[in-house]
PDB file of N, CA and C in Angstrom:
ATOM      1  N   VAL A   1      78.820 117.941  36.390  1.00  0.00           N
ATOM      2  CA  VAL A   1      79.387 116.439  36.627  1.00  0.00           C
ATOM      3  C   VAL A   1      80.428 116.473  35.632  1.00  0.00           C
ATOM      4  N   GLY A   2      79.990 116.709  34.423  1.00  0.00           N
ATOM      5  CA  GLY A   2      80.901 116.527  33.244  1.00  0.00           C
ATOM      6  C   GLY A   2      82.166 117.109  33.208  1.00  0.00           C
ATOM      7  N   ILE A   3      82.064 118.493  33.692  1.00  0.00           N
ATOM      8  CA  ILE A   3      83.393 119.312  33.913  1.00  0.00           C
ATOM      9  C   ILE A   3      84.157 118.851  34.969  1.00  0.00           C
ATOM     10  N   TRP A   4      83.537 118.488  36.041  1.00  0.00           N
ATOM     11  CA  TRP A   4      84.284 117.843  37.122  1.00  0.00           C
ATOM     12  C   TRP A   4      85.002 116.695  36.712  1.00  0.00           C
ATOM     13  N   LEU A   5      84.503 115.812  35.932  1.00  0.00           N
ATOM     14  CA  LEU A   5      85.066 114.503  35.491  1.00  0.00           C
ATOM     15  C   LEU A   5      86.252 114.919  34.479  1.00  0.00           C
ATOM     16  N   GLU A   6      85.910 115.913  33.611  1.00  0.00           N
ATOM     17  CA  GLU A   6      86.975 116.272  32.719  1.00  0.00           C
ATOM     18  C   GLU A   6      88.103 116.993  33.079  1.00  0.00           C
ATOM     19  N   THR A   7      87.860 117.573  34.361  1.00  0.00           N
ATOM     20  CA  THR A   7      89.020 118.544  34.725  1.00  0.00           C
ATOM     21  C   THR A   7      90.331 117.695  35.357  1.00  0.00           C
ATOM     22  N   PRO A   8      91.310 118.062  34.669  1.00  0.00           N
ATOM     23  CA  PRO A   8      92.671 117.265  35.236  1.00  0.00           C
ATOM     24  C   PRO A   8      92.859 117.475  36.620  1.00  0.00           C
ATOM     25  N   PHE A   9      93.460 116.414  37.238  1.00  0.00           N
ATOM     26  CA  PHE A   9      93.684 116.468  38.808  1.00  0.00           C
ATOM     27  C   PHE A   9      94.771 117.462  39.067  1.00  0.00           C
ATOM     28  N   ASP A  10      94.572 118.359  39.873  1.00  0.00           N
ATOM     29  CA  ASP A  10      95.527 119.375  40.234  1.00  0.00           C
ATOM     30  C   ASP A  10      96.608 119.135  41.012  1.00  0.00           C
ATOM     31  N   GLY A  11      96.441 118.044  41.854  1.00  0.00           N
ATOM     32  CA  GLY A  11      97.529 117.471  42.836  1.00  0.00           C
ATOM     33  C   GLY A  11      97.611 118.527  43.868  1.00  0.00           C
ATOM     34  N   GLY A  12      98.798 119.066  43.971  1.00  0.00           N
ATOM     35  CA  GLY A  12      99.472 120.131  44.799  1.00  0.00           C
ATOM     36  C   GLY A  12      98.691 120.076  46.399  1.00  0.00           C
ATOM     37  N   ARG A  13      98.059 121.310  46.458  1.00  0.00           N
ATOM     38  CA  ARG A  13      97.475 121.309  47.861  1.00  0.00           C
ATOM     39  C   ARG A  13      96.395 120.024  48.059  1.00  0.00           C
ATOM     40  N   HIS A  14      95.772 119.495  47.410  1.00  0.00           N
ATOM     41  CA  HIS A  14      94.818 118.361  47.595  1.00  0.00           C
ATOM     42  C   HIS A  14      95.495 117.163  47.982  1.00  0.00           C
ATOM     43  N   LEU A  15      96.795 116.882  47.549  1.00  0.00           N
ATOM     44  CA  LEU A  15      97.460 115.685  47.568  1.00  0.00           C
ATOM     45  C   LEU A  15      97.467 114.937  48.999  1.00  0.00           C
ATOM     46  N   PRO A  16      97.880 115.933  50.072  1.00  0.00           N
ATOM     47  CA  PRO A  16      97.794 115.166  51.374  1.00  0.00           C
ATOM     48  C   PRO A  16      96.446 114.805  51.860  1.00  0.00           C
ATOM     49  N   ARG A  17      95.493 115.300  51.626  1.00  0.00           N
ATOM     50  CA  ARG A  17      94.017 114.898  51.932  1.00  0.00           C
ATOM     51  C   ARG A  17      93.644 113.646  51.427  1.00  0.00           C
ATOM     52  N   ILE A  18      94.167 113.519  49.867  1.00  0.00           N
ATOM     53  CA  ILE A  18      93.677 112.504  49.173  1.00  0.00           C
ATOM     54  C   ILE A  18      94.423 111.099  49.632  1.00  0.00           C
ATOM     55  N   ARG A  19      95.748 111.299  49.915  1.00  0.00           N
ATOM     56  CA  ARG A  19      96.350 110.381  50.758  1.00  0.00           C
ATOM     57  C   ARG A  19      95.934 109.964  51.895  1.00  0.00           C
ATOM     58  N   GLN A  20      95.498 110.753  52.878  1.00  0.00           N
ATOM     59  CA  GLN A  20      94.778 110.385  54.095  1.00  0.00           C
ATOM     60  C   GLN A  20      93.559 109.469  53.993  1.00  0.00           C
ATOM     61  N   ILE A  21      92.840 109.857  52.865  1.00  0.00           N
ATOM     62  CA  ILE A  21      91.648 109.088  52.597  1.00  0.00           C
ATOM     63  C   ILE A  21      91.941 107.697  52.210  1.00  0.00           C
ATOM     64  N   ASP A  22      93.017 107.682  51.428  1.00  0.00           N
ATOM     65  CA  ASP A  22      93.501 106.397  50.953  1.00  0.00           C
ATOM     66  C   ASP A  22      93.898 105.416  51.974  1.00  0.00           C
ATOM     67  N   ARG A  23      94.879 106.183  53.136  1.00  0.00           N
ATOM     68  CA  ARG A  23      95.184 105.348  53.987  1.00  0.00           C
ATOM     69  C   ARG A  23      94.002 104.829  54.955  1.00  0.00           C
ATOM     70  N   VAL A  24      93.030 105.509  55.338  1.00  0.00           N
ATOM     71  CA  VAL A  24      92.015 105.263  56.132  1.00  0.00           C
ATOM     72  C   VAL A  24      91.130 104.246  55.357  1.00  0.00           C
ATOM     73  N   ALA A  25      90.975 104.238  54.136  1.00  0.00           N
ATOM     74  CA  ALA A  25      90.234 103.356  53.424  1.00  0.00           C
ATOM     75  C   ALA A  25      90.992 101.993  53.374  1.00  0.00           C
ATOM     76  N   GLY A  26      92.191 101.916  53.731  1.00  0.00           N
ATOM     77  CA  GLY A  26      92.906 100.812  53.683  1.00  0.00           C
ATOM     78  C   GLY A  26      93.504 100.326  52.477  1.00  0.00           C
ATOM     79  N   GLY A  27      93.690 101.252  51.372  1.00  0.00           N
ATOM     80  CA  GLY A  27      94.116 100.929  50.144  1.00  0.00           C
ATOM     81  C   GLY A  27      95.515 101.413  50.180  1.00  0.00           C
ATOM     82  N   GLY A  28      96.258 101.282  49.055  1.00  0.00           N
ATOM     83  CA  GLY A  28      97.582 101.913  48.799  1.00  0.00           C
ATOM     84  C   GLY A  28      97.379 103.348  48.549  1.00  0.00           C
ATOM     85  N   ASP A  29      98.573 104.017  48.148  1.00  0.00           N
ATOM     86  CA  ASP A  29      98.555 105.232  47.734  1.00  0.00           C
ATOM     87  C   ASP A  29      98.262 105.316  46.436  1.00  0.00           C
ATOM     88  N   ILE A  30      96.957 105.480  45.970  1.00  0.00           N
ATOM     89  CA  ILE A  30      96.536 105.632  44.380  1.00  0.00           C
ATOM     90  C   ILE A  30      97.248 106.734  43.712  1.00  0.00           C
ATOM     91  N   VAL A  31      97.820 107.876  44.378  1.00  0.00           N
ATOM     92  CA  VAL A  31      98.285 108.957  43.710  1.00  0.00           C
ATOM     93  C   VAL A  31      99.602 108.663  43.274  1.00  0.00           C
ATOM     94  N   SER A  32     100.549 108.167  44.116  1.00  0.00           N
ATOM     95  CA  SER A  32     101.781 107.720  44.053  1.00  0.00           C
ATOM     96  C   SER A  32     102.190 106.522  43.254  1.00  0.00           C
ATOM     97  N   GLY A  33     101.253 105.453  43.448  1.00  0.00           N
ATOM     98  CA  GLY A  33     101.514 104.201  42.866  1.00  0.00           C
ATOM     99  C   GLY A  33     102.282 103.393  43.698  1.00  0.00           C
ATOM    100  N   ARG A  34     102.317 103.744  45.077  1.00  0.00           N
ATOM    101  CA  ARG A  34     102.997 102.915  46.225  1.00  0.00           C
ATOM    102  C   ARG A  34     101.990 101.914  46.545  1.00  0.00           C
ATOM    103  N   PRO A  35     102.258 100.527  46.703  1.00  0.00           N
ATOM    104  CA  PRO A  35     101.408  99.583  47.280  1.00  0.00           C
ATOM    105  C   PRO A  35     101.286  99.785  48.919  1.00  0.00           C
ATOM    106  N   LYS A  36     100.235  99.252  49.218  1.00  0.00           N
ATOM    107  CA  LYS A  36      99.610  99.486  50.615  1.00  0.00           C
ATOM    108  C   LYS A  36     100.846  99.107  51.488  1.00  0.00           C
ATOM    109  N   GLY A  37     101.200  99.996  52.622  1.00  0.00           N
ATOM    110  CA  GLY A  37     102.319  99.783  53.480  1.00  0.00           C
ATOM    111  C   GLY A  37     103.632 100.144  53.001  1.00  0.00           C
ATOM    112  N   THR A  38     103.632 100.864  51.990  1.00  0.00           N
ATOM    113  CA  THR A  38     105.165 101.333  51.612  1.00  0.00           C
ATOM    114  C   THR A  38     105.006 102.719  51.374  1.00  0.00           C
ATOM    115  N   GLU A  39     104.110 103.481  52.153  1.00  0.00           N
ATOM    116  CA  GLU A  39     104.189 105.015  51.772  1.00  0.00           C
ATOM    117  C   GLU A  39     105.431 105.324  52.541  1.00  0.00           C
ATOM    118  N   ALA A  40     106.107 106.547  51.674  1.00  0.00           N
ATOM    119  CA  ALA A  40     107.366 107.078  52.104  1.00  0.00           C
ATOM    120  C   ALA A  40     107.138 107.906  53.528  1.00  0.00           C
ATOM    121  N   GLY A  41     107.931 107.792  54.339  1.00  0.00           N
ATOM    122  CA  GLY A  41     107.917 108.373  55.681  1.00  0.00           C
ATOM    123  C   GLY A  41     108.626 109.937  55.507  1.00  0.00           C
ATOM    124  N   ALA A  42     108.328 110.757  56.438  1.00  0.00           N
ATOM    125  CA  ALA A  42     108.994 111.902  56.415  1.00  0.00           C
ATOM    126  C   ALA A  42     110.533 111.858  56.601  1.00  0.00           C
ATOM    127  N   GLY A  43     111.290 112.512  55.599  1.00  0.00           N
ATOM    128  CA  GLY A  43     112.850 112.417  55.830  1.00  0.00           C
ATOM    129  C   GLY A  43     113.312 111.129  55.047  1.00  0.00           C
ATOM    130  N   GLU A  44     112.526 110.363  54.439  1.00  0.00           N
ATOM    131  CA  GLU A  44     113.109 109.253  53.654  1.00  0.00           C
ATOM    132  C   GLU A  44     113.746 109.862  52.353  1.00  0.00           C
ATOM    133  N   LYS A  45     114.973 109.373  52.039  1.00  0.00           N
ATOM    134  CA  LYS A  45     115.429 109.826  50.804  1.00  0.00           C
ATOM    135  C   LYS A  45     116.100 108.740  49.968  1.00  0.00           C
ATOM    136  N   PRO A  46     115.317 108.239  49.068  1.00  0.00           N
ATOM    137  CA  PRO A  46     115.718 107.061  48.278  1.00  0.00           C
ATOM    138  C   PRO A  46     116.878 107.631  47.567  1.00  0.00           C
ATOM    139  N   THR A  47     117.880 106.572  47.277  1.00  0.00           N
ATOM    140  CA  THR A  47     118.945 107.035  46.497  1.00  0.00           C
ATOM    141  C   THR A  47     118.867 106.307  45.063  1.00  0.00           C
ATOM    142  N   VAL A  48     119.770 106.776  44.146  1.00  0.00           N
ATOM    143  CA  VAL A  48     119.747 106.574  42.718  1.00  0.00           C
ATOM    144  C   VAL A  48     119.476 105.059  42.692  1.00  0.00           C
ATOM    145  N   GLY A  49     118.791 104.340  41.891  1.00  0.00           N
ATOM    146  CA  GLY A  49     118.745 103.119  41.640  1.00  0.00           C
ATOM    147  C   GLY A  49     117.971 102.382  42.694  1.00  0.00           C
ATOM    148  N   GLN A  50     117.586 102.968  43.791  1.00  0.00           N
ATOM    149  CA  GLN A  50     116.752 102.270  44.813  1.00  0.00           C
ATOM    150  C   GLN A  50     115.376 102.696  44.829  1.00  0.00           C
ATOM    151  N   ASN A  51     114.502 101.801  45.223  1.00  0.00           N
ATOM    152  CA  ASN A  51     112.955 102.036  45.485  1.00  0.00           C
ATOM    153  C   ASN A  51     112.191 102.609  43.980  1.00  0.00           C
ATOM    154  N   ARG A  52     112.790 101.991  42.965  1.00  0.00           N
ATOM    155  CA  ARG A  52     112.206 102.183  41.633  1.00  0.00           C
ATOM    156  C   ARG A  52     110.699 102.191  41.623  1.00  0.00           C
ATOM    157  N   ASP A  53     110.280 101.229  42.507  1.00  0.00           N
ATOM    158  CA  ASP A  53     108.802 100.985  42.513  1.00  0.00           C
ATOM    159  C   ASP A  53     107.956 102.062  43.358  1.00  0.00           C
ATOM    160  N   GLN A  54     108.713 102.888  43.968  1.00  0.00           N
ATOM    161  CA  GLN A  54     107.926 103.943  44.502  1.00  0.00           C
ATOM    162  C   GLN A  54     108.111 105.392  43.702  1.00  0.00           C
ATOM    163  N   PHE A  55     106.989 105.796  43.344  1.00  0.00           N
ATOM    164  CA  PHE A  55     107.140 106.851  42.486  1.00  0.00           C
ATOM    165  C   PHE A  55     105.842 107.817  42.609  1.00  0.00           C
ATOM    166  N   ASP A  56     105.923 109.015  42.244  1.00  0.00           N
ATOM    167  CA  ASP A  56     104.821 109.982  42.175  1.00  0.00           C
ATOM    168  C   ASP A  56     104.717 110.550  40.878  1.00  0.00           C
ATOM    169  N   VAL A  57     103.439 110.762  40.529  1.00  0.00           N
ATOM    170  CA  VAL A  57     102.997 111.472  39.326  1.00  0.00           C
ATOM    171  C   VAL A  57     102.019 112.610  39.889  1.00  0.00           C
ATOM    172  N   VAL A  58     102.456 113.896  39.698  1.00  0.00           N
ATOM    173  CA  VAL A  58     101.579 115.009  39.951  1.00  0.00           C
ATOM    174  C   VAL A  58     101.330 115.614  38.632  1.00  0.00           C
ATOM    175  N   ILE A  59     100.008 115.755  38.407  1.00  0.00           N
ATOM    176  CA  ILE A  59      99.507 116.286  37.325  1.00  0.00           C
ATOM    177  C   ILE A  59      98.941 117.686  37.464  1.00  0.00           C
ATOM    178  N   SER A  60      99.183 118.617  36.772  1.00  0.00           N
ATOM    179  CA  SER A  60      98.918 119.960  36.938  1.00  0.00           C
ATOM    180  C   SER A  60      98.428 120.560  35.732  1.00  0.00           C
ATOM    181  N   PHE A  61      97.946 121.714  35.504  1.00  0.00           N
ATOM    182  CA  PHE A  61      97.388 122.322  34.307  1.00  0.00           C
ATOM    183  C   PHE A  61      98.398 122.347  33.263  1.00  0.00           C
ATOM    184  N   GLY A  62      99.606 122.684  33.568  1.00  0.00           N
ATOM    185  CA  GLY A  62     100.606 122.984  32.536  1.00  0.00           C
ATOM    186  C   GLY A  62     101.709 122.076  32.573  1.00  0.00           C
ATOM    187  N   TYR A  63     101.891 121.055  33.509  1.00  0.00           N
ATOM    188  CA  TYR A  63     102.934 120.073  33.477  1.00  0.00           C
ATOM    189  C   TYR A  63     102.448 118.829  34.194  1.00  0.00           C
ATOM    190  N   ILE A  64     103.388 117.834  34.103  1.00  0.00           N
ATOM    191  CA  ILE A  64     103.122 116.491  34.743  1.00  0.00           C
ATOM    192  C   ILE A  64     104.574 116.410  35.257  1.00  0.00           C
ATOM    193  N   LEU A  65     104.610 116.190  36.608  1.00  0.00           N
ATOM    194  CA  LEU A  65     105.865 115.921  37.522  1.00  0.00           C
ATOM    195  C   LEU A  65     105.939 114.486  37.713  1.00  0.00           C
ATOM    196  N   TYR A  66     106.955 113.970  37.303  1.00  0.00           N
ATOM    197  CA  TYR A  66     107.285 112.368  37.700  1.00  0.00           C
ATOM    198  C   TYR A  66     108.352 112.369  38.554  1.00  0.00           C
ATOM    199  N   SER A  67     108.128 111.796  39.752  1.00  0.00           N
ATOM    200  CA  SER A  67     109.385 111.650  40.648  1.00  0.00           C
ATOM    201  C   SER A  67     109.681 110.443  41.337  1.00  0.00           C
ATOM    202  N   GLU A  68     110.888 110.149  41.639  1.00  0.00           N
ATOM    203  CA  GLU A  68     111.316 109.036  42.458  1.00  0.00           C
ATOM    204  C   GLU A  68     112.174 109.632  43.547  1.00  0.00           C
ATOM    205  N   GLY A  69     111.799 109.678  44.830  1.00  0.00           N
ATOM    206  CA  GLY A  69     112.564 110.482  45.924  1.00  0.00           C
ATOM    207  C   GLY A  69     112.729 111.935  45.328  1.00  0.00           C
ATOM    208  N   LYS A  70     114.006 112.127  45.323  1.00  0.00           N
ATOM    209  CA  LYS A  70     114.447 113.411  44.786  1.00  0.00           C
ATOM    210  C   LYS A  70     114.493 113.651  43.436  1.00  0.00           C
ATOM    211  N   ASN A  71     114.769 112.554  42.637  1.00  0.00           N
ATOM    212  CA  ASN A  71     114.887 112.561  41.320  1.00  0.00           C
ATOM    213  C   ASN A  71     113.464 112.954  40.477  1.00  0.00           C
ATOM    214  N   THR A  72     113.542 113.714  39.718  1.00  0.00           N
ATOM    215  CA  THR A  72     112.306 114.268  39.107  1.00  0.00           C
ATOM    216  C   THR A  72     112.507 114.510  37.653  1.00  0.00           C
ATOM    217  N   ILE A  73     111.433 114.301  36.934  1.00  0.00           N
ATOM    218  CA  ILE A  73     111.189 114.834  35.279  1.00  0.00           C
ATOM    219  C   ILE A  73     110.033 115.545  35.289  1.00  0.00           C
ATOM    220  N   GLU A  74     110.093 116.595  34.459  1.00  0.00           N
ATOM    221  CA  GLU A  74     108.817 117.442  34.276  1.00  0.00           C
ATOM    222  C   GLU A  74     108.492 117.266  32.806  1.00  0.00           C
ATOM    223  N   PHE A  75     107.261 117.128  32.410  1.00  0.00           N
ATOM    224  CA  PHE A  75     106.815 116.905  31.213  1.00  0.00           C
ATOM    225  C   PHE A  75     105.744 118.189  30.940  1.00  0.00           C
ATOM    226  N   LYS A  76     106.046 118.982  29.875  1.00  0.00           N
ATOM    227  CA  LYS A  76     105.043 119.992  29.620  1.00  0.00           C
ATOM    228  C   LYS A  76     103.812 119.325  29.165  1.00  0.00           C
ATOM    229  N   VAL A  77     102.748 120.155  29.349  1.00  0.00           N
ATOM    230  CA  VAL A  77     101.231 119.701  28.994  1.00  0.00           C
ATOM    231  C   VAL A  77     100.673 120.804  28.389  1.00  0.00           C
ATOM    232  N   ASP A  78      99.913 120.637  27.332  1.00  0.00           N
ATOM    233  CA  ASP A  78      99.063 121.652  26.635  1.00  0.00           C
ATOM    234  C   ASP A  78      97.680 120.978  26.955  1.00  0.00           C
ATOM    235  N   PRO A  79      96.973 121.567  27.773  1.00  0.00           N
ATOM    236  CA  PRO A  79      95.694 121.264  28.107  1.00  0.00           C
ATOM    237  C   PRO A  79      94.618 121.161  26.881  1.00  0.00           C
ATOM    238  N   GLY A  80      93.915 120.095  26.825  1.00  0.00           N
ATOM    239  CA  GLY A  80      92.954 119.957  25.675  1.00  0.00           C
ATOM    240  C   GLY A  80      91.607 120.598  26.148  1.00  0.00           C
ATOM    241  N   LEU A  81      91.339 121.745  25.442  1.00  0.00           N
ATOM    242  CA  LEU A  81      89.989 122.460  25.724  1.00  0.00           C
ATOM    243  C   LEU A  81      88.931 121.937  24.683  1.00  0.00           C
ATOM    244  N   LYS A  82      89.389 121.500  23.642  1.00  0.00           N
ATOM    245  CA  LYS A  82      88.357 121.172  22.429  1.00  0.00           C
ATOM    246  C   LYS A  82      88.938 119.784  22.043  1.00  0.00           C
ATOM    247  N   GLY A  83      89.995 119.224  22.268  1.00  0.00           N
ATOM    248  CA  GLY A  83      90.511 117.966  21.893  1.00  0.00           C
ATOM    249  C   GLY A  83      91.342 117.330  23.064  1.00  0.00           C
ATOM    250  N   PRO A  84      92.142 116.354  22.736  1.00  0.00           N
ATOM    251  CA  PRO A  84      92.967 115.735  23.780  1.00  0.00           C
ATOM    252  C   PRO A  84      94.007 116.535  24.444  1.00  0.00           C
ATOM    253  N   THR A  85      94.442 116.394  25.636  1.00  0.00           N
ATOM    254  CA  THR A  85      95.597 117.000  26.382  1.00  0.00           C
ATOM    255  C   THR A  85      96.763 116.486  25.590  1.00  0.00           C
ATOM    256  N   VAL A  86      97.753 117.303  25.366  1.00  0.00           N
ATOM    257  CA  VAL A  86      98.955 116.956  24.830  1.00  0.00           C
ATOM    258  C   VAL A  86     100.037 116.844  25.814  1.00  0.00           C
ATOM    259  N   ILE A  87     100.651 115.609  26.027  1.00  0.00           N
ATOM    260  CA  ILE A  87     101.767 115.590  26.861  1.00  0.00           C
ATOM    261  C   ILE A  87     103.071 115.663  25.944  1.00  0.00           C
ATOM    262  N   HIS A  88     103.945 116.385  26.250  1.00  0.00           N
ATOM    263  CA  HIS A  88     105.202 116.627  25.486  1.00  0.00           C
ATOM    264  C   HIS A  88     106.169 115.583  26.166  1.00  0.00           C
ATOM    265  N   VAL A  89     106.744 114.701  25.280  1.00  0.00           N
ATOM    266  CA  VAL A  89     107.790 113.875  25.946  1.00  0.00           C
ATOM    267  C   VAL A  89     109.019 113.839  24.943  1.00  0.00           C
ATOM    268  N   PRO A  90     110.241 113.673  25.507  1.00  0.00           N
ATOM    269  CA  PRO A  90     111.358 113.919  24.619  1.00  0.00           C
ATOM    270  C   PRO A  90     111.403 112.574  23.852  1.00  0.00           C
ATOM    271  N   SER A  91     111.773 112.750  22.465  1.00  0.00           N
ATOM    272  CA  SER A  91     112.147 111.607  21.643  1.00  0.00           C
ATOM    273  C   SER A  91     113.164 110.863  22.314  1.00  0.00           C
ATOM    274  N   PRO A  92     113.223 109.476  21.640  1.00  0.00           N
ATOM    275  CA  PRO A  92     114.394 108.483  22.311  1.00  0.00           C
ATOM    276  C   PRO A  92     115.834 109.360  22.216  1.00  0.00           C
ATOM    277  N   GLY A  93     116.198 110.050  21.253  1.00  0.00           N
ATOM    278  CA  GLY A  93     117.515 110.751  21.179  1.00  0.00           C
ATOM    279  C   GLY A  93     117.620 111.923  22.006  1.00  0.00           C
ATOM    280  N   THR A  94     116.589 112.700  22.136  1.00  0.00           N
ATOM    281  CA  THR A  94     116.522 113.806  22.904  1.00  0.00           C
ATOM    282  C   THR A  94     116.491 113.383  24.563  1.00  0.00           C
ATOM    283  N   TRP A  95     115.875 112.350  24.769  1.00  0.00           N
ATOM    284  CA  TRP A  95     115.791 111.613  26.117  1.00  0.00           C
ATOM    285  C   TRP A  95     117.261 111.362  26.536  1.00  0.00           C
ATOM    286  N   GLU A  96     117.834 110.601  25.810  1.00  0.00           N
ATOM    287  CA  GLU A  96     119.215 110.167  26.080  1.00  0.00           C
ATOM    288  C   GLU A  96     120.086 111.598  26.288  1.00  0.00           C
ATOM    289  N   ARG A  97     119.946 112.600  25.769  1.00  0.00           N
ATOM    290  CA  ARG A  97     120.759 113.741  25.741  1.00  0.00           C
ATOM    291  C   ARG A  97     120.402 114.682  26.969  1.00  0.00           C
ATOM    292  N   GLU A  98     119.072 114.722  27.219  1.00  0.00           N
ATOM    293  CA  GLU A  98     118.451 115.813  28.103  1.00  0.00           C
ATOM    294  C   GLU A  98     118.087 115.222  29.691  1.00  0.00           C
ATOM    295  N   ILE A  99     117.712 114.117  29.587  1.00  0.00           N
ATOM    296  CA  ILE A  99     117.217 113.452  30.711  1.00  0.00           C
ATOM    297  C   ILE A  99     118.459 112.971  31.721  1.00  0.00           C
ATOM    298  N   ALA A 100     118.101 113.224  32.881  1.00  0.00           N
ATOM    299  CA  ALA A 100     119.114 112.803  34.160  1.00  0.00           C
ATOM    300  C   ALA A 100     119.534 111.225  33.725  1.00  0.00           C
ATOM    301  N   GLU A 101     120.770 111.123  34.299  1.00  0.00           N
ATOM    302  CA  GLU A 101     121.266 109.567  34.187  1.00  0.00           C
ATOM    303  C   GLU A 101     120.534 108.691  34.795  1.00  0.00           C
ATOM    304  N   TRP A 102     119.816 108.877  36.086  1.00  0.00           N
ATOM    305  CA  TRP A 102     119.175 107.941  36.618  1.00  0.00           C
ATOM    306  C   TRP A 102     117.950 107.446  35.868  1.00  0.00           C
ATOM    307  N   ALA A 103     117.408 108.171  34.929  1.00  0.00           N
ATOM    308  CA  ALA A 103     116.327 107.663  34.171  1.00  0.00           C
ATOM    309  C   ALA A 103     116.669 107.459  32.453  1.00  0.00           C
ATOM    310  N   ARG A 104     117.845 107.756  32.370  1.00  0.00           N
ATOM    311  CA  ARG A 104     118.136 107.561  30.845  1.00  0.00           C
ATOM    312  C   ARG A 104     117.821 106.204  30.136  1.00  0.00           C
ATOM    313  N   SER A 105     118.029 105.151  30.818  1.00  0.00           N
ATOM    314  CA  SER A 105     117.793 103.870  30.118  1.00  0.00           C
ATOM    315  C   SER A 105     116.242 103.307  30.393  1.00  0.00           C
ATOM    316  N   ARG A 106     115.232 104.265  30.956  1.00  0.00           N
ATOM    317  CA  ARG A 106     114.140 103.967  31.370  1.00  0.00           C
ATOM    318  C   ARG A 106     112.947 104.637  30.875  1.00  0.00           C
ATOM    319  N   ARG A 107     113.130 105.118  29.532  1.00  0.00           N
ATOM    320  CA  ARG A 107     112.188 105.919  29.001  1.00  0.00           C
ATOM    321  C   ARG A 107     110.835 105.300  29.008  1.00  0.00           C
ATOM    322  N   ASP A 108     110.549 104.146  28.403  1.00  0.00           N
ATOM    323  CA  ASP A 108     109.555 103.371  28.195  1.00  0.00           C
ATOM    324  C   ASP A 108     108.822 103.077  29.672  1.00  0.00           C
ATOM    325  N   GLU A 109     109.610 102.851  30.569  1.00  0.00           N
ATOM    326  CA  GLU A 109     108.994 102.449  31.778  1.00  0.00           C
ATOM    327  C   GLU A 109     108.406 103.600  32.392  1.00  0.00           C
ATOM    328  N   ILE A 110     109.042 104.959  32.385  1.00  0.00           N
ATOM    329  CA  ILE A 110     108.555 106.169  33.006  1.00  0.00           C
ATOM    330  C   ILE A 110     107.490 106.610  32.154  1.00  0.00           C
ATOM    331  N   ILE A 111     107.514 106.442  30.879  1.00  0.00           N
ATOM    332  CA  ILE A 111     106.344 107.005  30.148  1.00  0.00           C
ATOM    333  C   ILE A 111     105.107 106.349  30.342  1.00  0.00           C
ATOM    334  N   ASP A 112     105.346 104.842  30.411  1.00  0.00           N
ATOM    335  CA  ASP A 112     104.053 103.925  30.797  1.00  0.00           C
ATOM    336  C   ASP A 112     103.604 104.346  32.103  1.00  0.00           C
ATOM    337  N   ARG A 113     104.441 104.783  32.981  1.00  0.00           N
ATOM    338  CA  ARG A 113     103.762 105.128  34.364  1.00  0.00           C
ATOM    339  C   ARG A 113     103.024 106.300  34.392  1.00  0.00           C
ATOM    340  N   VAL A 114     103.650 107.266  33.690  1.00  0.00           N
ATOM    341  CA  VAL A 114     102.814 108.511  33.471  1.00  0.00           C
ATOM    342  C   VAL A 114     101.507 108.352  32.829  1.00  0.00           C
ATOM    343  N   GLU A 115     101.487 107.509  31.717  1.00  0.00           N
ATOM    344  CA  GLU A 115     100.280 107.347  30.868  1.00  0.00           C
ATOM    345  C   GLU A 115      99.214 106.548  32.059  1.00  0.00           C
ATOM    346  N   THR A 116      99.738 105.637  32.532  1.00  0.00           N
ATOM    347  CA  THR A 116      98.780 104.966  33.442  1.00  0.00           C
ATOM    348  C   THR A 116      98.018 105.852  34.582  1.00  0.00           C
ATOM    349  N   LYS A 117      98.934 106.922  34.991  1.00  0.00           N
ATOM    350  CA  LYS A 117      98.260 107.987  35.807  1.00  0.00           C
ATOM    351  C   LYS A 117      97.529 108.763  35.081  1.00  0.00           C
ATOM    352  N   CYS A 118      97.522 108.868  34.010  1.00  0.00           N
ATOM    353  CA  CYS A 118      96.542 109.907  33.164  1.00  0.00           C
ATOM    354  C   CYS A 118      95.524 109.348  32.588  1.00  0.00           C
ATOM    355  N   ILE A 119      95.256 108.096  33.033  1.00  0.00           N
ATOM    356  CA  ILE A 119      94.163 107.267  32.461  1.00  0.00           C
ATOM    357  C   ILE A 119      92.604 108.042  32.286  1.00  0.00           C
ATOM    358  N   HIS A 120      92.355 108.854  33.261  1.00  0.00           N
ATOM    359  CA  HIS A 120      91.238 109.715  33.516  1.00  0.00           C
ATOM    360  C   HIS A 120      91.308 110.933  32.428  1.00  0.00           C
ATOM    361  N   ILE A 121      92.365 111.281  31.630  1.00  0.00           N
ATOM    362  CA  ILE A 121      92.439 112.426  30.920  1.00  0.00           C
ATOM    363  C   ILE A 121      92.600 111.901  29.428  1.00  0.00           C
ATOM    364  N   GLU A 122      91.694 112.395  28.368  1.00  0.00           N
ATOM    365  CA  GLU A 122      91.951 112.206  27.242  1.00  0.00           C
ATOM    366  C   GLU A 122      93.274 112.834  26.666  1.00  0.00           C
ATOM    367  N   HIS A 123      94.119 112.129  26.361  1.00  0.00           N
ATOM    368  CA  HIS A 123      95.513 112.699  26.045  1.00  0.00           C
ATOM    369  C   HIS A 123      96.226 111.958  24.894  1.00  0.00           C
ATOM    370  N   GLU A 124      97.223 112.706  24.292  1.00  0.00           N
ATOM    371  CA  GLU A 124      98.072 112.037  23.410  1.00  0.00           C
ATOM    372  C   GLU A 124      99.635 112.381  23.726  1.00  0.00           C
ATOM    373  N   LEU A 125     100.515 111.697  23.341  1.00  0.00           N
ATOM    374  CA  LEU A 125     101.986 111.960  23.571  1.00  0.00           C
ATOM    375  C   LEU A 125     102.412 112.636  22.193  1.00  0.00           C
ATOM    376  N   LYS A 126     103.204 113.657  22.502  1.00  0.00           N
ATOM    377  CA  LYS A 126     103.941 114.308  21.428  1.00  0.00           C
ATOM    378  C   LYS A 126     105.404 114.329  21.473  1.00  0.00           C
ATOM    379  N   GLU A 127     106.209 113.769  20.735  1.00  0.00           N
ATOM    380  CA  GLU A 127     107.595 113.856  20.872  1.00  0.00           C
ATOM    381  C   GLU A 127     108.166 115.105  20.265  1.00  0.00           C
ATOM    382  N   TYR A 128     109.235 115.559  20.871  1.00  0.00           N
ATOM    383  CA  TYR A 128     110.070 116.670  20.564  1.00  0.00           C
ATOM    384  C   TYR A 128     111.464 116.217  20.324  1.00  0.00           C
TER     385      TYR A 128
END
């Protein structure tokens, strides 16, 4: 049980089944952060600046993918085997230079969203 609880969520192929369980259970989409009744339908394409409240955070062994529609940011992850998992995030200056314009002024908001979804993982942020 300890290993199962400490293993990071893989997302990927399991994501559709978890979303089905969420919908049947009557809750919102706990994986994406969408409130109940706001699930994105097939073919929906949010535009820049729209639907900021609808986002996905996919946690994998080597990265975390944050997305809003087609807009994505990938954070490198060093899995913690004997200590906390390290999530690499750009420093404020690096963020301004390297991150796409749609997210440039939203560093703290996006990092807070990622951290909220990583609550089940012992982690620390490391700026580069």
